[in-house]
């Protein structure tokens, strides 16, 4: 699976994991040695608070609404910290640190996920 910024016609990440069930969503990137892009899929839009407990490197986060439009961005989310977004999301994308800046992904951009 890969993630594409459809607004900018740019691939954001490849070899992306998907977290659909409660176990994979709870585990996320915990205890992994290096960051792997992950998509968390929820049944409906809601406020999705995140934590970085047992994640040992900073990451970037995209919060997407039900239409896969970037509703909120959190860059440089540091290990062992917490974040509660201001906006509802149905999809959360965790990316290696610096990905958002490198790809110039911004609020309002449309994001697509596709199998490779």
PDB file of N, CA and C in Angstrom:
ATOM      1  N   UNK A   1       0.848  -1.178   0.000  1.00  0.00           N
ATOM      2  CA  UNK A   1       0.000   0.000   0.000  1.00  0.00           C
ATOM      3  C   UNK A   1       0.888   1.234   0.000  1.00  0.00           C
ATOM      4  N   UNK A   2       0.461   2.280  -0.720  1.00  0.00           N
ATOM      5  CA  UNK A   2       1.179   3.541  -0.652  1.00  0.00           C
ATOM      6  C   UNK A   2       0.197   4.691  -0.431  1.00  0.00           C
ATOM      7  N   UNK A   3       0.746   5.806   0.049  1.00  0.00           N
ATOM      8  CA  UNK A   3      -0.044   6.993   0.348  1.00  0.00           C
ATOM      9  C   UNK A   3       0.357   8.073  -0.650  1.00  0.00           C
ATOM     10  N   UNK A   4      -0.655   8.698  -1.276  1.00  0.00           N
ATOM     11  CA  UNK A   4      -0.395   9.739  -2.274  1.00  0.00           C
ATOM     12  C   UNK A   4      -1.123  11.022  -1.892  1.00  0.00           C
ATOM     13  N   UNK A   5      -0.429  12.130  -2.002  1.00  0.00           N
ATOM     14  CA  UNK A   5      -1.064  13.433  -1.881  1.00  0.00           C
ATOM     15  C   UNK A   5      -1.641  13.745  -3.257  1.00  0.00           C
ATOM     16  N   UNK A   6      -2.953  13.563  -3.407  1.00  0.00           N
ATOM     17  CA  UNK A   6      -3.610  13.751  -4.705  1.00  0.00           C
ATOM     18  C   UNK A   6      -3.617  15.217  -5.114  1.00  0.00           C
ATOM     19  N   UNK A   7      -3.626  16.118  -4.148  1.00  0.00           N
ATOM     20  CA  UNK A   7      -3.612  17.551  -4.449  1.00  0.00           C
ATOM     21  C   UNK A   7      -2.301  17.950  -5.121  1.00  0.00           C
ATOM     22  N   UNK A   8      -1.204  17.417  -4.616  1.00  0.00           N
ATOM     23  CA  UNK A   8       0.119  17.771  -5.142  1.00  0.00           C
ATOM     24  C   UNK A   8       0.680  16.712  -6.093  1.00  0.00           C
ATOM     25  N   UNK A   9      -0.098  15.631  -6.333  1.00  0.00           N
ATOM     26  CA  UNK A   9       0.339  14.546  -7.221  1.00  0.00           C
ATOM     27  C   UNK A   9       1.714  14.013  -6.821  1.00  0.00           C
ATOM     28  N   UNK A  10       1.829  13.625  -5.539  1.00  0.00           N
ATOM     29  CA  UNK A  10       3.114  13.218  -4.982  1.00  0.00           C
ATOM     30  C   UNK A  10       2.931  12.022  -4.051  1.00  0.00           C
ATOM     31  N   UNK A  11       3.779  11.023  -4.198  1.00  0.00           N
ATOM     32  CA  UNK A  11       3.762   9.883  -3.268  1.00  0.00           C
ATOM     33  C   UNK A  11       4.374  10.333  -1.944  1.00  0.00           C
ATOM     34  N   UNK A  12       3.639  10.142  -0.858  1.00  0.00           N
ATOM     35  CA  UNK A  12       4.116  10.519   0.479  1.00  0.00           C
ATOM     36  C   UNK A  12       4.889   9.371   1.113  1.00  0.00           C
ATOM     37  N   UNK A  13       4.368   8.140   0.962  1.00  0.00           N
ATOM     38  CA  UNK A  13       5.008   6.991   1.609  1.00  0.00           C
ATOM     39  C   UNK A  13       4.651   5.709   0.874  1.00  0.00           C
ATOM     40  N   UNK A  14       5.579   4.736   0.925  1.00  0.00           N
ATOM     41  CA  UNK A  14       5.368   3.407   0.355  1.00  0.00           C
ATOM     42  C   UNK A  14       5.498   2.374   1.464  1.00  0.00           C
ATOM     43  N   UNK A  15       5.089   1.144   1.168  1.00  0.00           N
ATOM     44  CA  UNK A  15       5.156   0.039   2.143  1.00  0.00           C
ATOM     45  C   UNK A  15       4.474   0.414   3.453  1.00  0.00           C
ATOM     46  N   UNK A  16       3.234   0.848   3.338  1.00  0.00           N
ATOM     47  CA  UNK A  16       2.472   1.353   4.471  1.00  0.00           C
ATOM     48  C   UNK A  16       1.673   0.229   5.120  1.00  0.00           C
ATOM     49  N   UNK A  17       1.686   0.194   6.446  1.00  0.00           N
ATOM     50  CA  UNK A  17       0.867  -0.758   7.190  1.00  0.00           C
ATOM     51  C   UNK A  17      -0.500  -0.160   7.477  1.00  0.00           C
ATOM     52  N   UNK A  18      -1.494  -1.039   7.662  1.00  0.00           N
ATOM     53  CA  UNK A  18      -2.855  -0.594   7.970  1.00  0.00           C
ATOM     54  C   UNK A  18      -3.256  -1.137   9.333  1.00  0.00           C
ATOM     55  N   UNK A  19      -3.808  -0.258  10.164  1.00  0.00           N
ATOM     56  CA  UNK A  19      -4.297  -0.644  11.492  1.00  0.00           C
ATOM     57  C   UNK A  19      -5.810  -0.484  11.494  1.00  0.00           C
ATOM     58  N   UNK A  20      -6.519  -1.617  11.488  1.00  0.00           N
ATOM     59  CA  UNK A  20      -7.982  -1.587  11.464  1.00  0.00           C
ATOM     60  C   UNK A  20      -8.597  -2.080  12.771  1.00  0.00           C
ATOM     61  N   UNK A  21      -7.958  -3.073  13.402  1.00  0.00           N
ATOM     62  CA  UNK A  21      -8.561  -3.654  14.603  1.00  0.00           C
ATOM     63  C   UNK A  21      -7.981  -3.031  15.874  1.00  0.00           C
ATOM     64  N   UNK A  22      -8.614  -3.293  16.982  1.00  0.00           N
ATOM     65  CA  UNK A  22      -8.234  -2.690  18.262  1.00  0.00           C
ATOM     66  C   UNK A  22      -6.805  -3.048  18.657  1.00  0.00           C
ATOM     67  N   UNK A  23      -6.369  -4.261  18.365  1.00  0.00           N
ATOM     68  CA  UNK A  23      -5.011  -4.674  18.732  1.00  0.00           C
ATOM     69  C   UNK A  23      -3.964  -3.895  17.938  1.00  0.00           C
ATOM     70  N   UNK A  24      -4.120  -3.847  16.617  1.00  0.00           N
ATOM     71  CA  UNK A  24      -3.129  -3.139  15.796  1.00  0.00           C
ATOM     72  C   UNK A  24      -3.150  -1.631  16.078  1.00  0.00           C
ATOM     73  N   UNK A  25      -4.324  -1.073  16.347  1.00  0.00           N
ATOM     74  CA  UNK A  25      -4.415   0.353  16.681  1.00  0.00           C
ATOM     75  C   UNK A  25      -3.745   0.641  18.021  1.00  0.00           C
ATOM     76  N   UNK A  26      -3.904  -0.261  18.977  1.00  0.00           N
ATOM     77  CA  UNK A  26      -3.292  -0.068  20.293  1.00  0.00           C
ATOM     78  C   UNK A  26      -1.772  -0.182  20.232  1.00  0.00           C
ATOM     79  N   UNK A  27      -1.277  -1.098  19.432  1.00  0.00           N
ATOM     80  CA  UNK A  27       0.165  -1.334  19.347  1.00  0.00           C
ATOM     81  C   UNK A  27       0.868  -0.281  18.487  1.00  0.00           C
ATOM     82  N   UNK A  28       0.313   0.041  17.326  1.00  0.00           N
ATOM     83  CA  UNK A  28       0.897   1.061  16.460  1.00  0.00           C
ATOM     84  C   UNK A  28       2.387   0.862  16.255  1.00  0.00           C
ATOM     85  N   UNK A  29       3.179   1.879  16.566  1.00  0.00           N
ATOM     86  CA  UNK A  29       4.629   1.831  16.384  1.00  0.00           C
ATOM     87  C   UNK A  29       5.383   1.444  17.663  1.00  0.00           C
ATOM     88  N   UNK A  30       4.661   1.109  18.715  1.00  0.00           N
ATOM     89  CA  UNK A  30       5.335   0.785  19.975  1.00  0.00           C
ATOM     90  C   UNK A  30       6.339  -0.345  19.787  1.00  0.00           C
ATOM     91  N   UNK A  31       7.513  -0.165  20.351  1.00  0.00           N
ATOM     92  CA  UNK A  31       8.602  -1.141  20.412  1.00  0.00           C
ATOM     93  C   UNK A  31       9.293  -1.393  19.068  1.00  0.00           C
ATOM     94  N   UNK A  32       8.896  -0.713  17.995  1.00  0.00           N
ATOM     95  CA  UNK A  32       9.586  -0.883  16.709  1.00  0.00           C
ATOM     96  C   UNK A  32      10.888  -0.091  16.713  1.00  0.00           C
ATOM     97  N   UNK A  33      11.912  -0.636  16.087  1.00  0.00           N
ATOM     98  CA  UNK A  33      13.231  -0.005  16.060  1.00  0.00           C
ATOM     99  C   UNK A  33      13.264   1.217  15.141  1.00  0.00           C
ATOM    100  N   UNK A  34      12.604   1.131  13.979  1.00  0.00           N
ATOM    101  CA  UNK A  34      12.584   2.276  13.073  1.00  0.00           C
ATOM    102  C   UNK A  34      11.153   2.553  12.628  1.00  0.00           C
ATOM    103  N   UNK A  35      10.874   3.811  12.267  1.00  0.00           N
ATOM    104  CA  UNK A  35       9.491   4.162  11.902  1.00  0.00           C
ATOM    105  C   UNK A  35       9.030   3.485  10.623  1.00  0.00           C
ATOM    106  N   UNK A  36       7.765   3.110  10.623  1.00  0.00           N
ATOM    107  CA  UNK A  36       7.113   2.551   9.450  1.00  0.00           C
ATOM    108  C   UNK A  36       5.827   3.343   9.256  1.00  0.00           C
ATOM    109  N   UNK A  37       5.547   3.796   8.050  1.00  0.00           N
ATOM    110  CA  UNK A  37       4.295   4.526   7.839  1.00  0.00           C
ATOM    111  C   UNK A  37       3.085   3.623   8.164  1.00  0.00           C
ATOM    112  N   UNK A  38       2.133   4.182   8.899  1.00  0.00           N
ATOM    113  CA  UNK A  38       0.922   3.445   9.279  1.00  0.00           C
ATOM    114  C   UNK A  38      -0.310   4.295   9.010  1.00  0.00           C
ATOM    115  N   UNK A  39      -1.390   3.626   8.590  1.00  0.00           N
ATOM    116  CA  UNK A  39      -2.702   4.259   8.448  1.00  0.00           C
ATOM    117  C   UNK A  39      -3.628   3.613   9.470  1.00  0.00           C
ATOM    118  N   UNK A  40      -4.249   4.438  10.305  1.00  0.00           N
ATOM    119  CA  UNK A  40      -5.247   3.970  11.266  1.00  0.00           C
ATOM    120  C   UNK A  40      -6.611   4.342  10.692  1.00  0.00           C
ATOM    121  N   UNK A  41      -7.479   3.338  10.537  1.00  0.00           N
ATOM    122  CA  UNK A  41      -8.797   3.551   9.941  1.00  0.00           C
ATOM    123  C   UNK A  41      -9.868   3.361  11.014  1.00  0.00           C
ATOM    124  N   UNK A  42     -10.727   4.374  11.170  1.00  0.00           N
ATOM    125  CA  UNK A  42     -11.802   4.325  12.156  1.00  0.00           C
ATOM    126  C   UNK A  42     -13.148   4.314  11.437  1.00  0.00           C
ATOM    127  N   UNK A  43     -14.186   3.830  12.115  1.00  0.00           N
ATOM    128  CA  UNK A  43     -15.515   3.687  11.498  1.00  0.00           C
ATOM    129  C   UNK A  43     -16.188   5.020  11.224  1.00  0.00           C
ATOM    130  N   UNK A  44     -15.879   6.026  12.044  1.00  0.00           N
ATOM    131  CA  UNK A  44     -16.483   7.347  11.848  1.00  0.00           C
ATOM    132  C   UNK A  44     -15.532   8.427  12.349  1.00  0.00           C
ATOM    133  N   UNK A  45     -15.833   9.650  11.995  1.00  0.00           N
ATOM    134  CA  UNK A  45     -15.026  10.777  12.441  1.00  0.00           C
ATOM    135  C   UNK A  45     -15.186  10.978  13.940  1.00  0.00           C
ATOM    136  N   UNK A  46     -14.067  11.260  14.600  1.00  0.00           N
ATOM    137  CA  UNK A  46     -14.084  11.551  16.032  1.00  0.00           C
ATOM    138  C   UNK A  46     -12.751  12.179  16.412  1.00  0.00           C
ATOM    139  N   UNK A  47     -12.679  12.715  17.616  1.00  0.00           N
ATOM    140  CA  UNK A  47     -11.409  13.206  18.154  1.00  0.00           C
ATOM    141  C   UNK A  47     -10.592  11.977  18.537  1.00  0.00           C
ATOM    142  N   UNK A  48      -9.377  11.876  18.018  1.00  0.00           N
ATOM    143  CA  UNK A  48      -8.543  10.694  18.242  1.00  0.00           C
ATOM    144  C   UNK A  48      -7.261  11.117  18.961  1.00  0.00           C
ATOM    145  N   UNK A  49      -7.246  11.017  20.302  1.00  0.00           N
ATOM    146  CA  UNK A  49      -6.025  11.360  21.034  1.00  0.00           C
ATOM    147  C   UNK A  49      -4.947  10.292  20.814  1.00  0.00           C
ATOM    148  N   UNK A  50      -3.691  10.723  20.773  1.00  0.00           N
ATOM    149  CA  UNK A  50      -2.582   9.806  20.528  1.00  0.00           C
ATOM    150  C   UNK A  50      -1.548   9.892  21.649  1.00  0.00           C
ATOM    151  N   UNK A  51      -0.799   8.820  21.801  1.00  0.00           N
ATOM    152  CA  UNK A  51       0.322   8.817  22.737  1.00  0.00           C
ATOM    153  C   UNK A  51       1.537   8.226  22.042  1.00  0.00           C
ATOM    154  N   UNK A  52       2.701   8.531  22.590  1.00  0.00           N
ATOM    155  CA  UNK A  52       3.952   8.022  22.043  1.00  0.00           C
ATOM    156  C   UNK A  52       4.684   7.179  23.090  1.00  0.00           C
ATOM    157  N   UNK A  53       3.917   6.501  23.936  1.00  0.00           N
ATOM    158  CA  UNK A  53       4.530   5.634  24.935  1.00  0.00           C
ATOM    159  C   UNK A  53       5.206   4.464  24.228  1.00  0.00           C
ATOM    160  N   UNK A  54       6.443   4.215  24.577  1.00  0.00           N
ATOM    161  CA  UNK A  54       7.244   3.120  24.020  1.00  0.00           C
ATOM    162  C   UNK A  54       7.485   3.239  22.513  1.00  0.00           C
ATOM    163  N   UNK A  55       7.395   4.460  21.996  1.00  0.00           N
ATOM    164  CA  UNK A  55       7.846   4.766  20.641  1.00  0.00           C
ATOM    165  C   UNK A  55       9.091   5.624  20.845  1.00  0.00           C
ATOM    166  N   UNK A  56      10.206   5.212  20.265  1.00  0.00           N
ATOM    167  CA  UNK A  56      11.498   5.772  20.644  1.00  0.00           C
ATOM    168  C   UNK A  56      12.066   6.796  19.663  1.00  0.00           C
ATOM    169  N   UNK A  57      11.249   7.334  18.775  1.00  0.00           N
ATOM    170  CA  UNK A  57      11.695   8.309  17.785  1.00  0.00           C
ATOM    171  C   UNK A  57      10.526   9.236  17.469  1.00  0.00           C
ATOM    172  N   UNK A  58      10.798  10.481  17.098  1.00  0.00           N
ATOM    173  CA  UNK A  58       9.699  11.388  16.735  1.00  0.00           C
ATOM    174  C   UNK A  58       9.107  11.022  15.373  1.00  0.00           C
ATOM    175  N   UNK A  59       7.842  11.352  15.185  1.00  0.00           N
ATOM    176  CA  UNK A  59       7.141  11.070  13.926  1.00  0.00           C
ATOM    177  C   UNK A  59       6.276  12.274  13.539  1.00  0.00           C
ATOM    178  N   UNK A  60       5.761  12.250  12.325  1.00  0.00           N
ATOM    179  CA  UNK A  60       4.781  13.228  11.842  1.00  0.00           C
ATOM    180  C   UNK A  60       3.420  12.544  11.758  1.00  0.00           C
ATOM    181  N   UNK A  61       2.360  13.313  11.972  1.00  0.00           N
ATOM    182  CA  UNK A  61       0.995  12.769  11.958  1.00  0.00           C
ATOM    183  C   UNK A  61       0.107  13.619  11.050  1.00  0.00           C
ATOM    184  N   UNK A  62      -0.698  12.940  10.225  1.00  0.00           N
ATOM    185  CA  UNK A  62      -1.762  13.581   9.457  1.00  0.00           C
ATOM    186  C   UNK A  62      -3.099  13.066   9.969  1.00  0.00           C
ATOM    187  N   UNK A  63      -4.013  13.965  10.258  1.00  0.00           N
ATOM    188  CA  UNK A  63      -5.382  13.607  10.638  1.00  0.00           C
ATOM    189  C   UNK A  63      -6.268  13.940   9.445  1.00  0.00           C
ATOM    190  N   UNK A  64      -6.962  12.933   8.903  1.00  0.00           N
ATOM    191  CA  UNK A  64      -7.812  13.121   7.727  1.00  0.00           C
ATOM    192  C   UNK A  64      -9.281  12.992   8.096  1.00  0.00           C
ATOM    193  N   UNK A  65     -10.122  13.826   7.505  1.00  0.00           N
ATOM    194  CA  UNK A  65     -11.562  13.694   7.747  1.00  0.00           C
ATOM    195  C   UNK A  65     -12.122  12.541   6.911  1.00  0.00           C
ATOM    196  N   UNK A  66     -13.432  12.367   6.935  1.00  0.00           N
ATOM    197  CA  UNK A  66     -14.062  11.235   6.240  1.00  0.00           C
ATOM    198  C   UNK A  66     -13.841  11.273   4.731  1.00  0.00           C
ATOM    199  N   UNK A  67     -13.538  12.450   4.182  1.00  0.00           N
ATOM    200  CA  UNK A  67     -13.287  12.596   2.748  1.00  0.00           C
ATOM    201  C   UNK A  67     -11.800  12.502   2.400  1.00  0.00           C
ATOM    202  N   UNK A  68     -10.986  12.115   3.377  1.00  0.00           N
ATOM    203  CA  UNK A  68      -9.523  11.987   3.228  1.00  0.00           C
ATOM    204  C   UNK A  68      -8.858  13.321   2.905  1.00  0.00           C
ATOM    205  N   UNK A  69      -9.395  14.374   3.502  1.00  0.00           N
ATOM    206  CA  UNK A  69      -8.809  15.715   3.409  1.00  0.00           C
ATOM    207  C   UNK A  69      -8.054  15.970   4.714  1.00  0.00           C
ATOM    208  N   UNK A  70      -6.845  16.529   4.619  1.00  0.00           N
ATOM    209  CA  UNK A  70      -6.047  16.805   5.814  1.00  0.00           C
ATOM    210  C   UNK A  70      -6.756  17.859   6.662  1.00  0.00           C
ATOM    211  N   UNK A  71      -7.176  17.450   7.875  1.00  0.00           N
ATOM    212  CA  UNK A  71      -7.898  18.324   8.794  1.00  0.00           C
ATOM    213  C   UNK A  71      -6.977  18.892   9.868  1.00  0.00           C
ATOM    214  N   UNK A  72      -5.867  18.181  10.138  1.00  0.00           N
ATOM    215  CA  UNK A  72      -4.925  18.633  11.170  1.00  0.00           C
ATOM    216  C   UNK A  72      -3.582  17.946  10.934  1.00  0.00           C
ATOM    217  N   UNK A  73      -2.530  18.631  11.337  1.00  0.00           N
ATOM    218  CA  UNK A  73      -1.163  18.131  11.182  1.00  0.00           C
ATOM    219  C   UNK A  73      -0.433  18.256  12.507  1.00  0.00           C
ATOM    220  N   UNK A  74       0.329  17.242  12.839  1.00  0.00           N
ATOM    221  CA  UNK A  74       1.219  17.295  14.014  1.00  0.00           C
ATOM    222  C   UNK A  74       2.592  16.839  13.552  1.00  0.00           C
ATOM    223  N   UNK A  75       3.537  17.764  13.509  1.00  0.00           N
ATOM    224  CA  UNK A  75       4.901  17.424  13.117  1.00  0.00           C
ATOM    225  C   UNK A  75       5.760  17.224  14.354  1.00  0.00           C
ATOM    226  N   UNK A  76       6.789  16.389  14.210  1.00  0.00           N
ATOM    227  CA  UNK A  76       7.771  16.183  15.268  1.00  0.00           C
ATOM    228  C   UNK A  76       7.117  15.770  16.594  1.00  0.00           C
ATOM    229  N   UNK A  77       6.228  14.784  16.525  1.00  0.00           N
ATOM    230  CA  UNK A  77       5.555  14.251  17.720  1.00  0.00           C
ATOM    231  C   UNK A  77       6.591  13.425  18.473  1.00  0.00           C
ATOM    232  N   UNK A  78       6.963  13.903  19.637  1.00  0.00           N
ATOM    233  CA  UNK A  78       8.109  13.358  20.368  1.00  0.00           C
ATOM    234  C   UNK A  78       7.770  12.106  21.194  1.00  0.00           C
ATOM    235  N   UNK A  79       8.775  11.237  21.396  1.00  0.00           N
ATOM    236  CA  UNK A  79       8.577  10.026  22.212  1.00  0.00           C
ATOM    237  C   UNK A  79       8.069  10.367  23.616  1.00  0.00           C
ATOM    238  N   UNK A  80       7.242   9.476  24.131  1.00  0.00           N
ATOM    239  CA  UNK A  80       6.702   9.548  25.483  1.00  0.00           C
ATOM    240  C   UNK A  80       5.915  10.831  25.739  1.00  0.00           C
ATOM    241  N   UNK A  81       5.196  11.307  24.723  1.00  0.00           N
ATOM    242  CA  UNK A  81       4.333  12.472  24.885  1.00  0.00           C
ATOM    243  C   UNK A  81       2.915  12.121  24.433  1.00  0.00           C
ATOM    244  N   UNK A  82       1.996  13.067  24.635  1.00  0.00           N
ATOM    245  CA  UNK A  82       0.581  12.881  24.314  1.00  0.00           C
ATOM    246  C   UNK A  82       0.113  14.036  23.446  1.00  0.00           C
ATOM    247  N   UNK A  83      -0.911  13.788  22.608  1.00  0.00           N
ATOM    248  CA  UNK A  83      -1.473  14.841  21.776  1.00  0.00           C
ATOM    249  C   UNK A  83      -2.961  14.574  21.571  1.00  0.00           C
ATOM    250  N   UNK A  84      -3.768  15.604  21.779  1.00  0.00           N
ATOM    251  CA  UNK A  84      -5.196  15.532  21.486  1.00  0.00           C
ATOM    252  C   UNK A  84      -5.491  16.555  20.395  1.00  0.00           C
ATOM    253  N   UNK A  85      -5.908  16.100  19.220  1.00  0.00           N
ATOM    254  CA  UNK A  85      -6.183  17.041  18.127  1.00  0.00           C
ATOM    255  C   UNK A  85      -7.420  17.889  18.417  1.00  0.00           C
ATOM    256  N   UNK A  86      -7.509  19.014  17.736  1.00  0.00           N
ATOM    257  CA  UNK A  86      -8.664  19.909  17.882  1.00  0.00           C
ATOM    258  C   UNK A  86      -9.794  19.512  16.942  1.00  0.00           C
ATOM    259  N   UNK A  87      -9.448  18.793  15.862  1.00  0.00           N
ATOM    260  CA  UNK A  87     -10.424  18.443  14.839  1.00  0.00           C
ATOM    261  C   UNK A  87     -10.693  16.941  14.797  1.00  0.00           C
ATOM    262  N   UNK A  88     -11.903  16.606  14.365  1.00  0.00           N
ATOM    263  CA  UNK A  88     -12.262  15.199  14.208  1.00  0.00           C
ATOM    264  C   UNK A  88     -11.558  14.615  12.986  1.00  0.00           C
ATOM    265  N   UNK A  89     -11.307  13.310  13.055  1.00  0.00           N
ATOM    266  CA  UNK A  89     -10.680  12.602  11.938  1.00  0.00           C
ATOM    267  C   UNK A  89     -11.259  11.196  11.853  1.00  0.00           C
ATOM    268  N   UNK A  90     -11.210  10.617  10.674  1.00  0.00           N
ATOM    269  CA  UNK A  90     -11.576   9.216  10.481  1.00  0.00           C
ATOM    270  C   UNK A  90     -10.351   8.378  10.142  1.00  0.00           C
ATOM    271  N   UNK A  91      -9.293   9.051   9.693  1.00  0.00           N
ATOM    272  CA  UNK A  91      -8.037   8.384   9.345  1.00  0.00           C
ATOM    273  C   UNK A  91      -6.893   9.133  10.017  1.00  0.00           C
ATOM    274  N   UNK A  92      -5.947   8.379  10.550  1.00  0.00           N
ATOM    275  CA  UNK A  92      -4.728   8.963  11.110  1.00  0.00           C
ATOM    276  C   UNK A  92      -3.562   8.292  10.405  1.00  0.00           C
ATOM    277  N   UNK A  93      -2.641   9.106   9.911  1.00  0.00           N
ATOM    278  CA  UNK A  93      -1.467   8.573   9.219  1.00  0.00           C
ATOM    279  C   UNK A  93      -0.220   8.949  10.015  1.00  0.00           C
ATOM    280  N   UNK A  94       0.539   7.943  10.421  1.00  0.00           N
ATOM    281  CA  UNK A  94       1.807   8.156  11.115  1.00  0.00           C
ATOM    282  C   UNK A  94       2.934   7.986  10.099  1.00  0.00           C
ATOM    283  N   UNK A  95       3.822   8.973  10.056  1.00  0.00           N
ATOM    284  CA  UNK A  95       4.888   9.019   9.058  1.00  0.00           C
ATOM    285  C   UNK A  95       6.237   9.277   9.724  1.00  0.00           C
ATOM    286  N   UNK A  96       7.324   8.877   9.076  1.00  0.00           N
ATOM    287  CA  UNK A  96       8.645   9.222   9.610  1.00  0.00           C
ATOM    288  C   UNK A  96       8.783  10.747   9.748  1.00  0.00           C
ATOM    289  N   UNK A  97       9.508  11.177  10.760  1.00  0.00           N
ATOM    290  CA  UNK A  97       9.723  12.601  10.999  1.00  0.00           C
ATOM    291  C   UNK A  97      10.298  13.281   9.766  1.00  0.00           C
ATOM    292  N   UNK A  98       9.771  14.453   9.443  1.00  0.00           N
ATOM    293  CA  UNK A  98      10.238  15.233   8.308  1.00  0.00           C
ATOM    294  C   UNK A  98       9.475  14.989   7.016  1.00  0.00           C
ATOM    295  N   UNK A  99       8.620  13.968   6.986  1.00  0.00           N
ATOM    296  CA  UNK A  99       7.872  13.639   5.762  1.00  0.00           C
ATOM    297  C   UNK A  99       6.928  14.764   5.353  1.00  0.00           C
ATOM    298  N   UNK A 100       6.240  15.365   6.317  1.00  0.00           N
ATOM    299  CA  UNK A 100       5.271  16.420   6.001  1.00  0.00           C
ATOM    300  C   UNK A 100       5.984  17.618   5.378  1.00  0.00           C
ATOM    301  N   UNK A 101       7.085  18.025   5.966  1.00  0.00           N
ATOM    302  CA  UNK A 101       7.850  19.170   5.438  1.00  0.00           C
ATOM    303  C   UNK A 101       8.433  18.839   4.063  1.00  0.00           C
ATOM    304  N   UNK A 102       8.997  17.638   3.940  1.00  0.00           N
ATOM    305  CA  UNK A 102       9.636  17.219   2.684  1.00  0.00           C
ATOM    306  C   UNK A 102       8.634  17.171   1.521  1.00  0.00           C
ATOM    307  N   UNK A 103       7.411  16.703   1.801  1.00  0.00           N
ATOM    308  CA  UNK A 103       6.395  16.571   0.749  1.00  0.00           C
ATOM    309  C   UNK A 103       5.504  17.803   0.636  1.00  0.00           C
ATOM    310  N   UNK A 104       5.693  18.773   1.524  1.00  0.00           N
ATOM    311  CA  UNK A 104       4.900  20.013   1.541  1.00  0.00           C
ATOM    312  C   UNK A 104       3.405  19.724   1.681  1.00  0.00           C
ATOM    313  N   UNK A 105       3.078  18.655   2.386  1.00  0.00           N
ATOM    314  CA  UNK A 105       1.676  18.328   2.642  1.00  0.00           C
ATOM    315  C   UNK A 105       1.093  19.385   3.582  1.00  0.00           C
ATOM    316  N   UNK A 106      -0.128  19.856   3.262  1.00  0.00           N
ATOM    317  CA  UNK A 106      -0.721  20.969   3.998  1.00  0.00           C
ATOM    318  C   UNK A 106      -2.190  20.695   4.317  1.00  0.00           C
ATOM    319  N   UNK A 107      -2.732  21.499   5.232  1.00  0.00           N
ATOM    320  CA  UNK A 107      -4.155  21.429   5.538  1.00  0.00           C
ATOM    321  C   UNK A 107      -4.945  21.602   4.246  1.00  0.00           C
ATOM    322  N   UNK A 108      -5.989  20.803   4.083  1.00  0.00           N
ATOM    323  CA  UNK A 108      -6.834  20.888   2.900  1.00  0.00           C
ATOM    324  C   UNK A 108      -6.413  19.994   1.751  1.00  0.00           C
ATOM    325  N   UNK A 109      -5.218  19.410   1.814  1.00  0.00           N
ATOM    326  CA  UNK A 109      -4.780  18.487   0.759  1.00  0.00           C
ATOM    327  C   UNK A 109      -5.603  17.201   0.806  1.00  0.00           C
ATOM    328  N   UNK A 110      -5.890  16.638  -0.368  1.00  0.00           N
ATOM    329  CA  UNK A 110      -6.589  15.351  -0.450  1.00  0.00           C
ATOM    330  C   UNK A 110      -5.550  14.245  -0.511  1.00  0.00           C
ATOM    331  N   UNK A 111      -5.760  13.203   0.302  1.00  0.00           N
ATOM    332  CA  UNK A 111      -4.828  12.087   0.400  1.00  0.00           C
ATOM    333  C   UNK A 111      -5.520  10.813  -0.086  1.00  0.00           C
ATOM    334  N   UNK A 112      -4.814   9.995  -0.865  1.00  0.00           N
ATOM    335  CA  UNK A 112      -5.335   8.712  -1.334  1.00  0.00           C
ATOM    336  C   UNK A 112      -4.439   7.576  -0.839  1.00  0.00           C
ATOM    337  N   UNK A 113      -5.030   6.400  -0.635  1.00  0.00           N
ATOM    338  CA  UNK A 113      -4.270   5.188  -0.309  1.00  0.00           C
ATOM    339  C   UNK A 113      -4.516   4.197  -1.434  1.00  0.00           C
ATOM    340  N   UNK A 114      -3.453   3.548  -1.901  1.00  0.00           N
ATOM    341  CA  UNK A 114      -3.614   2.568  -2.965  1.00  0.00           C
ATOM    342  C   UNK A 114      -2.702   1.380  -2.730  1.00  0.00           C
ATOM    343  N   UNK A 115      -3.184   0.189  -3.134  1.00  0.00           N
ATOM    344  CA  UNK A 115      -2.332  -0.986  -3.096  1.00  0.00           C
ATOM    345  C   UNK A 115      -1.289  -0.878  -4.188  1.00  0.00           C
ATOM    346  N   UNK A 116      -0.093  -1.336  -3.885  1.00  0.00           N
ATOM    347  CA  UNK A 116       1.015  -1.230  -4.848  1.00  0.00           C
ATOM    348  C   UNK A 116       0.967  -2.333  -5.861  1.00  0.00           C
TER     349      UNK A 116
END
